[in-house]
Amino acid sequence: MRRLSAALVLVSVFVLTRPFDAGAQARVERNLVYGMYSGLALLLDVHHPDTPKGLGVIYVPGSAWQAPLAYGASSLKDSNYTPEWLAALLRGGYTVFIVNHRATPRFHYPEPVEDVQRAVRFVRHNATRFSVDPSRLGGVGESSGAHLIALVAMLGAPAIPNDRDPVNAQPATLQAVVTRAAPADLSKMVGANPIATAVVVTLVNRLPTPMPEDQAVYRAASPITHVSASSPPTLLTHGDADDTVPFQQAVDMEAALRKVNVPVRLVRVAGGTHNGDFGTGGKPHAQFQNVLTDVVGWLNQYLSGNR
């Protein structure tokens, strides 16, 4: 029996989290409902910068694709992002939409992907309300969130014609993408280490057997499979000492994008770990601030046309 039970025990170390200084921003709109699934509200927070420049970024935190199970635990969007990343985007004038999504062990691929696509459609549909340009939306993701935002970006889902929901009349496309430690090829994540194997197999909900039907799901769930000449400009950031998501994942993704002439850059953090600041022992990597500068610079170049 190849399909797995949702009772598989997970080890969640896909993201390092720390409290965020709310004083770094002007205003936050919390828990906006961007969609519903069988009575379950899909939520996002809108972080408004002090000096907005009319550009939006959909931000998906890392979580190992899993939801916190403890009673009273914070949701994915509340605690699983790296605060310095958010602060850098806000200083850059970006309005940031941090997204919650359906997650394991209750939900599996493709449901988290569908949720992020829905979030993109929702932001675009409500662009006037949020004072952002619907034709220039960026995406940022960390770890499992980087997988989701990259997959949504590479799929570039069009508008759903004749849908009764006006939100679905918007395309789920992004015009620039930034990832940190993104799993790009899930079949190669299996076997990389026990943690990566457990969380990927649980997301896909199939054992990685040679059977064609199983391999097809792993391929469909991998951003690298959907790279095309129409993929958006992509900045990949990754520590080469990452022992959770192998650095080779970024190397392979860069090669795939470069092959079809999509603007791409891989920022290699020498000795960088899987932590949000690429550091160890609570100390950020020496290259971290430069990475943040690269992140904002990439979005400036491809969303606002300047650097």
Foldseek 3Di string as FASTA:
>chain_A
DFFDALPQDADWDLEDWDDADPVLADDKDWFDFLDDDPNRGWGKMKTFAPAAPQEEEEEEFDTLQAFDDDVPDDGRQRIRHYNVLVSLCSVLRYTYIYTGFDGTPVAAPPRRLVRLLSVLLSCLVCSVVVRHDSVAYEYEYAEQGLLSRLQLLLVFAQADPPDPDVSSNHTSYHQEYEYELYQQQLLVQQPLDPNSNSSSCSRLSGDSDPDPVSVVSSLNSGSLNRHALPGHAYEYEYECLESRRHPVSVVSSQVSNVVRPHHYDYHYQYCFYSYNQSDPPPDHRPCRVVVSVVVSQRSCCRRVNGD
